[in-house]
Amino acid sequence: MKEQKVPCRKKSYEKVGFDLKLLVIDQIQNGRISINYAAKKYNISRSSIDYWLKKYSTLEQKKLGMSKKDEIKKLKQRIEELEFVKDFQQDIIADMELITGVDLAKKSLPKTLADEIQKKKQNRLKENG
């Protein structure tokens, strides 16, 4: 006797309201639940939740009025500002080390930053003779 193959059926899901979608997205984005847990708890497919998250994130970007290009431009400006602050702080540390004669950078900063400050000190010494 041959066994009859039982057709594989897709899991049936009910239509989800907008309020529930927002609730699920909020809980996931705030780290209260995972996508897998939400899928089981609310009987929603993980792919649907992924789709909502993607759609919601683009909706949020439109609300903020910031395109990807604008966001990249803003981040590049922030990097420039932080680089300036870092250079300024390194100059101050290098000057203090020259005045006091104590190597502060080697004792308390990561090696890469301490090396940069050491180079600045050497440049200052060359400039001043």
N, C-alpha and C. Protein backbone atom coordinates (compact mmCIF):
# COMPACT_ATOMS: atom_id res chain seq x y z
N MET A 1 0.82 -1.19 0.00
CA MET A 1 0.00 0.00 0.00
C MET A 1 0.86 1.25 0.00
N LYS A 2 0.50 2.11 -0.84
CA LYS A 2 1.22 3.38 -0.89
C LYS A 2 0.59 4.37 0.07
N GLU A 3 1.49 5.14 0.69
CA GLU A 3 1.00 6.19 1.58
C GLU A 3 0.66 7.41 0.76
N GLN A 4 -0.43 8.02 1.11
CA GLN A 4 -0.80 9.25 0.41
C GLN A 4 -0.02 10.42 1.01
N LYS A 5 0.46 11.25 0.15
CA LYS A 5 1.18 12.43 0.61
C LYS A 5 0.19 13.48 1.07
N VAL A 6 0.46 13.99 2.24
CA VAL A 6 -0.39 15.06 2.76
C VAL A 6 0.20 16.38 2.28
N PRO A 7 -0.61 17.18 1.61
CA PRO A 7 -0.06 18.44 1.10
C PRO A 7 0.36 19.35 2.26
N CYS A 8 1.47 19.99 2.05
CA CYS A 8 1.99 20.93 3.05
C CYS A 8 1.24 22.24 2.93
N ARG A 9 0.61 22.63 4.00
CA ARG A 9 -0.16 23.86 3.96
C ARG A 9 0.59 24.99 4.64
N LYS A 10 0.39 26.15 4.12
CA LYS A 10 0.96 27.31 4.77
C LYS A 10 0.17 27.60 6.03
N LYS A 11 0.86 28.16 6.99
CA LYS A 11 0.19 28.53 8.22
C LYS A 11 -0.73 29.70 7.92
N SER A 12 -1.94 29.63 8.42
CA SER A 12 -2.88 30.72 8.12
C SER A 12 -2.76 31.80 9.18
N TYR A 13 -2.75 33.03 8.74
CA TYR A 13 -2.65 34.18 9.62
C TYR A 13 -3.85 35.08 9.40
N GLU A 14 -4.24 35.75 10.46
CA GLU A 14 -5.34 36.70 10.33
C GLU A 14 -4.77 38.06 9.95
N LYS A 15 -5.61 38.89 9.41
CA LYS A 15 -5.20 40.23 9.05
C LYS A 15 -4.92 41.02 10.33
N VAL A 16 -3.85 41.78 10.32
CA VAL A 16 -3.41 42.49 11.52
C VAL A 16 -3.73 43.96 11.38
N GLY A 17 -4.29 44.53 12.41
CA GLY A 17 -4.64 45.95 12.40
C GLY A 17 -3.42 46.84 12.58
N PHE A 18 -3.59 48.09 12.20
CA PHE A 18 -2.50 49.06 12.25
C PHE A 18 -2.00 49.28 13.68
N ASP A 19 -2.93 49.34 14.63
CA ASP A 19 -2.54 49.57 16.02
C ASP A 19 -1.66 48.43 16.55
N LEU A 20 -2.01 47.20 16.21
CA LEU A 20 -1.21 46.06 16.65
C LEU A 20 0.16 46.08 15.99
N LYS A 21 0.21 46.47 14.72
CA LYS A 21 1.50 46.58 14.02
C LYS A 21 2.41 47.57 14.76
N LEU A 22 1.85 48.74 15.10
CA LEU A 22 2.65 49.74 15.80
C LEU A 22 3.10 49.25 17.17
N LEU A 23 2.23 48.53 17.86
CA LEU A 23 2.57 47.98 19.17
C LEU A 23 3.73 46.99 19.05
N VAL A 24 3.65 46.08 18.10
CA VAL A 24 4.69 45.08 17.90
C VAL A 24 6.01 45.75 17.53
N ILE A 25 5.97 46.69 16.61
CA ILE A 25 7.18 47.40 16.18
C ILE A 25 7.80 48.14 17.35
N ASP A 26 6.98 48.81 18.14
CA ASP A 26 7.48 49.56 19.29
C ASP A 26 8.17 48.63 20.29
N GLN A 27 7.54 47.50 20.58
CA GLN A 27 8.12 46.56 21.54
C GLN A 27 9.45 46.00 21.04
N ILE A 28 9.54 45.73 19.76
CA ILE A 28 10.78 45.18 19.19
C ILE A 28 11.87 46.24 19.19
N GLN A 29 11.55 47.46 18.75
CA GLN A 29 12.56 48.50 18.66
C GLN A 29 13.06 48.95 20.04
N ASN A 30 12.22 48.84 21.04
CA ASN A 30 12.64 49.20 22.39
C ASN A 30 13.30 48.04 23.13
N GLY A 31 13.42 46.91 22.47
CA GLY A 31 14.13 45.77 23.04
C GLY A 31 13.34 44.98 24.06
N ARG A 32 12.05 45.17 24.12
CA ARG A 32 11.23 44.43 25.08
C ARG A 32 11.02 42.98 24.66
N ILE A 33 10.88 42.77 23.34
CA ILE A 33 10.70 41.41 22.82
C ILE A 33 11.51 41.26 21.53
N SER A 34 11.75 40.01 21.17
CA SER A 34 12.45 39.74 19.92
C SER A 34 11.43 39.52 18.80
N ILE A 35 11.92 39.51 17.59
CA ILE A 35 11.04 39.26 16.45
C ILE A 35 10.43 37.86 16.55
N ASN A 36 11.27 36.89 16.91
CA ASN A 36 10.76 35.51 17.03
C ASN A 36 9.67 35.41 18.09
N TYR A 37 9.90 36.03 19.24
CA TYR A 37 8.91 35.97 20.31
C TYR A 37 7.61 36.66 19.89
N ALA A 38 7.74 37.82 19.22
CA ALA A 38 6.55 38.54 18.76
C ALA A 38 5.76 37.70 17.76
N ALA A 39 6.48 37.01 16.88
CA ALA A 39 5.81 36.17 15.88
C ALA A 39 4.99 35.08 16.56
N LYS A 40 5.55 34.46 17.58
CA LYS A 40 4.82 33.41 18.29
C LYS A 40 3.68 33.99 19.12
N LYS A 41 3.97 35.07 19.84
CA LYS A 41 2.99 35.65 20.76
C LYS A 41 1.75 36.15 20.02
N TYR A 42 1.96 36.84 18.90
CA TYR A 42 0.84 37.45 18.18
C TYR A 42 0.39 36.65 16.96
N ASN A 43 1.01 35.47 16.75
CA ASN A 43 0.69 34.61 15.61
C ASN A 43 0.83 35.38 14.28
N ILE A 44 2.01 35.95 14.12
CA ILE A 44 2.34 36.73 12.93
C ILE A 44 3.63 36.15 12.35
N SER A 45 3.76 36.11 11.05
CA SER A 45 4.98 35.57 10.46
C SER A 45 6.14 36.54 10.70
N ARG A 46 7.34 35.96 10.83
CA ARG A 46 8.54 36.78 11.04
C ARG A 46 8.80 37.68 9.84
N SER A 47 8.52 37.17 8.65
CA SER A 47 8.76 37.98 7.45
C SER A 47 7.83 39.20 7.42
N SER A 48 6.61 39.05 7.93
CA SER A 48 5.70 40.20 8.00
C SER A 48 6.25 41.25 8.95
N ILE A 49 6.75 40.78 10.09
CA ILE A 49 7.30 41.72 11.08
C ILE A 49 8.53 42.42 10.51
N ASP A 50 9.39 41.67 9.82
CA ASP A 50 10.55 42.28 9.17
C ASP A 50 10.11 43.35 8.17
N TYR A 51 9.08 43.03 7.41
CA TYR A 51 8.56 43.99 6.43
C TYR A 51 8.05 45.25 7.12
N TRP A 52 7.30 45.09 8.23
CA TRP A 52 6.78 46.24 8.96
C TRP A 52 7.92 47.09 9.50
N LEU A 53 8.96 46.43 10.03
CA LEU A 53 10.09 47.17 10.59
C LEU A 53 10.78 48.01 9.50
N LYS A 54 10.96 47.40 8.34
CA LYS A 54 11.59 48.10 7.23
C LYS A 54 10.72 49.27 6.77
N LYS A 55 9.44 49.02 6.63
CA LYS A 55 8.51 50.05 6.19
C LYS A 55 8.42 51.17 7.22
N TYR A 56 8.38 50.81 8.49
CA TYR A 56 8.26 51.79 9.56
C TYR A 56 9.51 52.66 9.64
N SER A 57 10.69 52.07 9.44
CA SER A 57 11.92 52.85 9.52
C SER A 57 11.98 53.89 8.41
N THR A 58 11.50 53.54 7.21
CA THR A 58 11.48 54.53 6.13
C THR A 58 10.43 55.60 6.42
N LEU A 59 9.35 55.21 7.07
CA LEU A 59 8.32 56.17 7.47
C LEU A 59 8.89 57.15 8.49
N GLU A 60 9.66 56.64 9.43
CA GLU A 60 10.29 57.50 10.45
C GLU A 60 11.26 58.48 9.79
N GLN A 61 12.04 58.00 8.82
CA GLN A 61 12.98 58.88 8.13
C GLN A 61 12.23 59.99 7.40
N LYS A 62 11.10 59.66 6.79
CA LYS A 62 10.32 60.68 6.10
C LYS A 62 9.78 61.69 7.09
N LYS A 63 9.37 61.21 8.28
CA LYS A 63 8.87 62.12 9.31
C LYS A 63 9.97 63.09 9.73
N LEU A 64 11.16 62.56 9.90
CA LEU A 64 12.27 63.41 10.32
C LEU A 64 12.74 64.30 9.17
N GLY A 65 12.35 63.97 7.97
CA GLY A 65 12.71 64.77 6.81
C GLY A 65 14.17 64.67 6.44
N MET A 66 14.78 63.54 6.75
CA MET A 66 16.20 63.39 6.48
C MET A 66 16.42 62.22 5.53
N SER A 67 16.99 62.52 4.40
CA SER A 67 17.30 61.45 3.45
C SER A 67 18.64 60.82 3.85
N LYS A 68 18.97 59.73 3.19
CA LYS A 68 20.25 59.06 3.47
C LYS A 68 21.42 59.99 3.19
N LYS A 69 21.33 60.75 2.10
CA LYS A 69 22.41 61.67 1.76
C LYS A 69 22.59 62.74 2.84
N ASP A 70 21.47 63.28 3.33
CA ASP A 70 21.54 64.28 4.39
C ASP A 70 22.11 63.69 5.67
N GLU A 71 21.73 62.46 5.95
CA GLU A 71 22.23 61.81 7.16
C GLU A 71 23.74 61.58 7.06
N ILE A 72 24.21 61.16 5.90
CA ILE A 72 25.64 60.96 5.68
C ILE A 72 26.38 62.27 5.80
N LYS A 73 25.82 63.33 5.22
CA LYS A 73 26.44 64.65 5.29
C LYS A 73 26.55 65.12 6.74
N LYS A 74 25.49 64.91 7.50
CA LYS A 74 25.48 65.31 8.91
C LYS A 74 26.52 64.52 9.71
N LEU A 75 26.62 63.22 9.44
CA LEU A 75 27.60 62.40 10.14
C LEU A 75 29.03 62.79 9.78
N LYS A 76 29.27 63.15 8.51
CA LYS A 76 30.60 63.60 8.12
C LYS A 76 30.98 64.90 8.83
N GLN A 77 30.01 65.81 8.97
CA GLN A 77 30.26 67.05 9.70
C GLN A 77 30.59 66.76 11.16
N ARG A 78 29.88 65.82 11.74
CA ARG A 78 30.12 65.46 13.13
C ARG A 78 31.51 64.85 13.30
N ILE A 79 31.94 64.04 12.34
CA ILE A 79 33.28 63.46 12.39
C ILE A 79 34.33 64.56 12.34
N GLU A 80 34.13 65.55 11.46
CA GLU A 80 35.07 66.67 11.37
C GLU A 80 35.16 67.42 12.70
N GLU A 81 34.01 67.67 13.31
CA GLU A 81 33.99 68.36 14.61
C GLU A 81 34.76 67.57 15.67
N LEU A 82 34.52 66.27 15.70
CA LEU A 82 35.19 65.44 16.70
C LEU A 82 36.70 65.34 16.44
N GLU A 83 37.09 65.31 15.17
CA GLU A 83 38.52 65.30 14.84
C GLU A 83 39.18 66.59 15.31
N PHE A 84 38.49 67.72 15.13
CA PHE A 84 39.02 69.00 15.58
C PHE A 84 39.20 69.01 17.10
N VAL A 85 38.19 68.53 17.81
CA VAL A 85 38.26 68.48 19.28
C VAL A 85 39.41 67.58 19.72
N LYS A 86 39.54 66.42 19.05
CA LYS A 86 40.62 65.48 19.40
C LYS A 86 41.99 66.14 19.19
N ASP A 87 42.17 66.81 18.06
CA ASP A 87 43.44 67.48 17.79
C ASP A 87 43.72 68.57 18.82
N PHE A 88 42.70 69.34 19.16
CA PHE A 88 42.85 70.40 20.15
C PHE A 88 43.26 69.81 21.51
N GLN A 89 42.61 68.75 21.93
CA GLN A 89 42.94 68.12 23.20
C GLN A 89 44.36 67.54 23.17
N GLN A 90 44.75 66.97 22.05
CA GLN A 90 46.11 66.43 21.94
C GLN A 90 47.14 67.54 22.00
N ASP A 91 46.84 68.69 21.39
CA ASP A 91 47.75 69.83 21.47
C ASP A 91 47.94 70.28 22.92
N ILE A 92 46.85 70.34 23.65
CA ILE A 92 46.92 70.75 25.06
C ILE A 92 47.75 69.76 25.87
N ILE A 93 47.51 68.47 25.65
CA ILE A 93 48.27 67.45 26.39
C ILE A 93 49.75 67.53 26.03
N ALA A 94 50.05 67.71 24.74
CA ALA A 94 51.45 67.82 24.31
C ALA A 94 52.11 69.03 24.96
N ASP A 95 51.43 70.17 25.00
CA ASP A 95 51.98 71.38 25.64
C ASP A 95 52.21 71.14 27.13
N MET A 96 51.25 70.51 27.79
CA MET A 96 51.40 70.24 29.22
C MET A 96 52.57 69.30 29.49
N GLU A 97 52.76 68.33 28.64
CA GLU A 97 53.89 67.42 28.82
C GLU A 97 55.21 68.14 28.62
N LEU A 98 55.26 69.06 27.66
CA LEU A 98 56.49 69.83 27.44
C LEU A 98 56.78 70.75 28.63
N ILE A 99 55.74 71.36 29.17
CA ILE A 99 55.91 72.30 30.29
C ILE A 99 56.30 71.56 31.57
N THR A 100 55.57 70.48 31.87
CA THR A 100 55.80 69.77 33.14
C THR A 100 56.90 68.73 33.05
N GLY A 101 57.15 68.21 31.87
CA GLY A 101 58.15 67.17 31.72
C GLY A 101 57.64 65.78 32.11
N VAL A 102 56.35 65.65 32.35
CA VAL A 102 55.75 64.37 32.74
C VAL A 102 55.00 63.80 31.53
N ASP A 103 55.24 62.52 31.26
CA ASP A 103 54.54 61.86 30.15
C ASP A 103 53.17 61.40 30.61
N LEU A 104 52.18 62.26 30.47
CA LEU A 104 50.81 61.93 30.89
C LEU A 104 50.15 60.95 29.93
N ALA A 105 50.40 61.13 28.64
CA ALA A 105 49.72 60.34 27.62
C ALA A 105 50.08 58.86 27.71
N LYS A 106 51.36 58.56 27.93
CA LYS A 106 51.79 57.17 27.96
C LYS A 106 51.15 56.41 29.12
N LYS A 107 50.92 57.13 30.22
CA LYS A 107 50.38 56.47 31.41
C LYS A 107 48.87 56.24 31.34
N SER A 108 48.15 57.17 30.70
CA SER A 108 46.70 57.12 30.83
C SER A 108 45.91 57.00 29.54
N LEU A 109 46.57 57.04 28.39
CA LEU A 109 45.83 56.97 27.12
C LEU A 109 46.21 55.72 26.34
N PRO A 110 45.33 55.31 25.42
CA PRO A 110 45.67 54.17 24.55
C PRO A 110 46.93 54.48 23.72
N LYS A 111 47.63 53.44 23.34
CA LYS A 111 48.92 53.58 22.66
C LYS A 111 48.83 54.43 21.39
N THR A 112 47.79 54.27 20.60
CA THR A 112 47.70 55.04 19.35
C THR A 112 47.60 56.55 19.63
N LEU A 113 46.80 56.91 20.63
CA LEU A 113 46.68 58.33 20.97
C LEU A 113 47.98 58.85 21.59
N ALA A 114 48.60 58.04 22.43
CA ALA A 114 49.87 58.45 23.05
C ALA A 114 50.94 58.67 21.97
N ASP A 115 50.95 57.82 20.95
CA ASP A 115 51.91 57.97 19.85
C ASP A 115 51.66 59.27 19.07
N GLU A 116 50.38 59.58 18.83
CA GLU A 116 50.06 60.82 18.13
C GLU A 116 50.52 62.04 18.93
N ILE A 117 50.32 62.00 20.24
CA ILE A 117 50.74 63.12 21.09
C ILE A 117 52.27 63.22 21.10
N GLN A 118 52.94 62.09 21.11
CA GLN A 118 54.40 62.09 21.08
C GLN A 118 54.91 62.76 19.80
N LYS A 119 54.26 62.47 18.67
CA LYS A 119 54.65 63.10 17.40
C LYS A 119 54.43 64.61 17.46
N LYS A 120 53.31 65.04 18.07
CA LYS A 120 53.03 66.47 18.20
C LYS A 120 54.09 67.14 19.06
N LYS A 121 54.51 66.45 20.14
CA LYS A 121 55.55 67.00 21.00
C LYS A 121 56.86 67.17 20.23
N GLN A 122 57.21 66.16 19.44
CA GLN A 122 58.44 66.24 18.65
C GLN A 122 58.39 67.36 17.64
N ASN A 123 57.22 67.55 17.00
CA ASN A 123 57.06 68.65 16.05
C ASN A 123 57.20 70.00 16.74
N ARG A 124 56.64 70.11 17.94
CA ARG A 124 56.75 71.37 18.71
C ARG A 124 58.19 71.66 19.08
N LEU A 125 58.91 70.62 19.48
CA LEU A 125 60.32 70.80 19.84
C LEU A 125 61.14 71.23 18.63
N LYS A 126 60.84 70.67 17.46
CA LYS A 126 61.54 71.06 16.23
C LYS A 126 61.24 72.50 15.87
N GLU A 127 59.96 72.91 16.02
CA GLU A 127 59.55 74.28 15.69
C GLU A 127 60.24 75.28 16.61
N ASN A 128 60.35 74.94 17.90
CA ASN A 128 60.91 75.87 18.88
C ASN A 128 62.43 75.80 18.95
N GLY A 129 63.01 74.81 18.31
CA GLY A 129 64.45 74.69 18.24
C GLY A 129 65.00 73.98 19.37
